[in-house]
Protein backbone atom coordinates (compact mmCIF):
# COMPACT_ATOMS: atom_id res chain seq x y z
CA MET A 1 41.13 -62.66 -9.92
CA LYS A 2 37.87 -64.75 -9.16
CA ARG A 3 38.01 -68.15 -10.94
CA LEU A 4 34.81 -69.23 -13.68
CA ILE A 5 33.29 -72.42 -13.25
CA LEU A 6 31.33 -73.55 -16.63
CA PRO A 7 28.97 -75.23 -16.15
CA ASP A 8 28.32 -78.04 -18.40
CA ASN A 9 23.96 -79.53 -18.78
CA ASN A 10 24.16 -82.19 -16.74
CA ILE A 11 25.06 -80.30 -14.06
CA LEU A 12 22.32 -77.63 -14.12
CA SER A 13 19.75 -80.04 -14.66
CA GLU A 14 20.89 -82.19 -11.70
CA ILE A 15 19.29 -79.15 -9.68
CA THR A 16 15.64 -79.10 -10.88
CA LYS A 17 16.00 -83.25 -9.93
CA VAL A 18 13.59 -84.94 -7.17
CA ASN A 19 16.43 -87.06 -6.04
CA ARG A 20 19.25 -85.21 -6.93
CA CYS A 21 22.72 -85.38 -5.79
CA GLU A 22 23.49 -82.73 -2.33
CA ASN A 23 27.03 -82.93 -3.71
CA VAL A 24 26.14 -80.67 -6.68
CA VAL A 25 23.35 -78.26 -4.80
CA GLN A 26 25.75 -77.98 -2.14
CA LYS A 27 28.99 -76.91 -4.73
CA TYR A 28 26.77 -75.30 -7.37
CA ARG A 29 25.30 -72.59 -3.72
CA THR A 30 28.43 -72.36 -3.00
CA HIS A 31 29.59 -71.18 -5.96
CA LEU A 32 27.15 -69.79 -8.18
CA ASP A 33 28.12 -65.98 -8.36
CA GLU A 34 31.45 -67.46 -9.93
CA MET A 35 29.56 -69.27 -12.86
CA ILE A 36 29.43 -68.52 -16.20
CA LEU A 37 27.36 -70.37 -18.80
CA ALA A 38 27.99 -70.94 -22.21
CA ILE A 39 25.40 -69.93 -25.06
CA THR A 40 25.34 -73.53 -26.03
CA VAL A 41 24.52 -75.24 -22.79
CA TRP A 42 22.04 -72.55 -23.13
CA HIS A 43 20.81 -74.48 -25.93
CA GLU A 44 20.13 -77.12 -24.26
CA LEU A 45 18.46 -76.54 -21.01
CA LEU A 46 16.27 -74.63 -23.58
CA TYR A 47 15.82 -77.91 -25.51
CA GLY A 48 16.16 -80.33 -23.11
CA LEU A 49 12.47 -78.16 -21.02
CA TYR A 50 10.66 -77.69 -24.64
CA CYS A 51 10.82 -81.67 -24.12
CA ILE A 52 9.39 -81.95 -21.29
CA PRO A 53 5.21 -82.60 -21.42
CA ASP A 54 2.99 -79.68 -19.87
CA GLY A 55 3.40 -80.31 -16.23
CA LYS A 56 4.26 -79.21 -12.88
CA ARG A 57 7.85 -80.64 -13.81
CA LYS A 58 7.82 -78.13 -16.78
CA LYS A 59 6.83 -75.00 -15.10
CA ASP A 60 9.60 -75.95 -11.43
CA VAL A 61 12.62 -76.28 -14.21
CA GLU A 62 10.66 -73.39 -16.75
CA PHE A 63 11.36 -71.57 -13.34
CA PHE A 64 14.74 -72.71 -12.81
CA ILE A 65 16.15 -71.97 -15.93
CA LYS A 66 14.42 -68.78 -16.59
CA LYS A 67 14.67 -66.72 -13.32
CA GLN A 68 18.02 -68.66 -12.31
CA VAL A 69 20.63 -69.64 -14.96
CA ALA A 70 19.25 -67.40 -17.34
CA LEU A 71 20.77 -64.23 -14.79
CA MET A 72 24.28 -65.64 -15.36
CA PRO A 73 26.98 -64.69 -17.93
CA MET A 74 26.37 -66.27 -20.64
CA TYR A 75 29.48 -66.44 -23.24
CA GLU A 76 29.00 -66.50 -26.52
CA TYR A 77 30.71 -68.82 -29.40
CA THR A 78 33.12 -66.21 -30.96
CA PRO A 79 35.86 -66.04 -33.41
CA LYS A 80 38.83 -67.55 -30.64
CA CYS A 81 36.02 -70.15 -29.33
CA ALA A 82 36.11 -71.06 -33.34
CA ASP A 83 39.75 -71.49 -33.31
CA ILE A 84 40.42 -73.42 -30.24
CA HIS A 85 36.69 -75.56 -31.42
CA ALA A 86 38.72 -76.60 -33.92
CA LYS A 87 41.83 -76.79 -32.97
CA ILE A 88 40.55 -79.95 -30.65
CA ARG A 89 38.09 -81.15 -33.14
CA ALA A 90 41.96 -82.08 -35.19
CA GLU A 91 43.31 -83.15 -31.97
CA CYS A 92 40.58 -85.43 -30.63
CA ARG A 93 40.62 -86.62 -34.27
CA ALA A 94 44.33 -88.00 -35.15
CA LYS A 95 43.63 -88.81 -30.66
CA GLY A 96 41.20 -91.74 -32.33
CA LYS A 97 38.86 -90.44 -30.41
CA THR A 98 35.12 -88.68 -30.94
CA LEU A 99 34.00 -86.12 -29.23
CA SER A 100 30.14 -84.38 -30.42
CA PHE A 101 30.36 -81.10 -32.13
CA ALA A 102 28.82 -79.31 -28.78
CA ASP A 103 31.17 -81.19 -26.39
CA SER A 104 34.07 -79.75 -28.08
CA GLN A 105 31.91 -76.56 -28.52
CA ILE A 106 31.09 -75.89 -25.30
CA ALA A 107 34.68 -76.86 -24.50
CA SER A 108 35.79 -73.97 -26.41
CA ILE A 109 33.65 -71.75 -24.84
CA ALA A 110 35.52 -72.60 -21.69
CA LEU A 111 38.98 -72.68 -22.99
CA ALA A 112 38.82 -69.29 -24.41
CA ASN A 113 37.41 -67.32 -20.93
CA HIS A 114 40.26 -69.79 -18.66
CA ALA A 115 36.93 -71.23 -17.37
CA ILE A 116 36.83 -74.97 -15.29
CA LEU A 117 34.27 -76.93 -16.96
CA VAL A 118 32.73 -78.50 -14.83
CA THR A 119 30.59 -82.07 -15.58
CA ARG A 120 29.35 -84.49 -14.96
CA ASN A 121 30.87 -86.52 -18.17
CA VAL A 122 34.58 -86.22 -17.05
CA ASP A 123 35.82 -89.21 -19.57
CA ASP A 124 34.07 -87.49 -22.71
CA PHE A 125 36.40 -84.66 -21.87
CA LYS A 126 39.31 -85.59 -20.65
CA TYR A 127 41.78 -85.89 -23.67
CA ILE A 128 41.58 -81.51 -24.53
CA ASP A 129 44.94 -80.81 -23.68
CA GLY A 130 44.83 -77.11 -21.23
CA LEU A 131 41.19 -77.61 -19.67
CA MET A 132 40.52 -77.76 -16.77
CA ILE A 133 37.66 -80.19 -15.29
CA GLU A 134 35.55 -80.74 -12.26
CA ASN A 135 33.14 -83.50 -11.55
CA TRP A 136 31.05 -82.88 -8.94
CA PHE A 137 28.89 -85.68 -8.04
CA ASP A 138 32.07 -87.03 -6.95
CA ASN A 139 32.71 -86.20 -3.02
């Protein structure tokens, strides 16, 4: 069974930057066929796109999102995800840790689908039991 990789918004956004981390770009290209997209990350990407002022940068980001990211299999927030999500939030609360609603939702989609969450914000997710995390910004 091939592994599934769920990139966080900060990984996909890195691809569109002028001064980008080449390690992220290389791993993105290597693992593109293993990537899935959480519907929450799709929302974050589109929101970011709509906030960019009109111009070349916006066109470049829009091209990347619509011609590449949109082709990734999109994984929705299902009842199974909702159950996992509620447990994540309750466990984090019991540990005295705060995790944003969106981040805990992304984590629940990764857990429900046995996917590796790739993010720069490892510290935001390290308290979630069973979540597989990679940081492609590390060499």
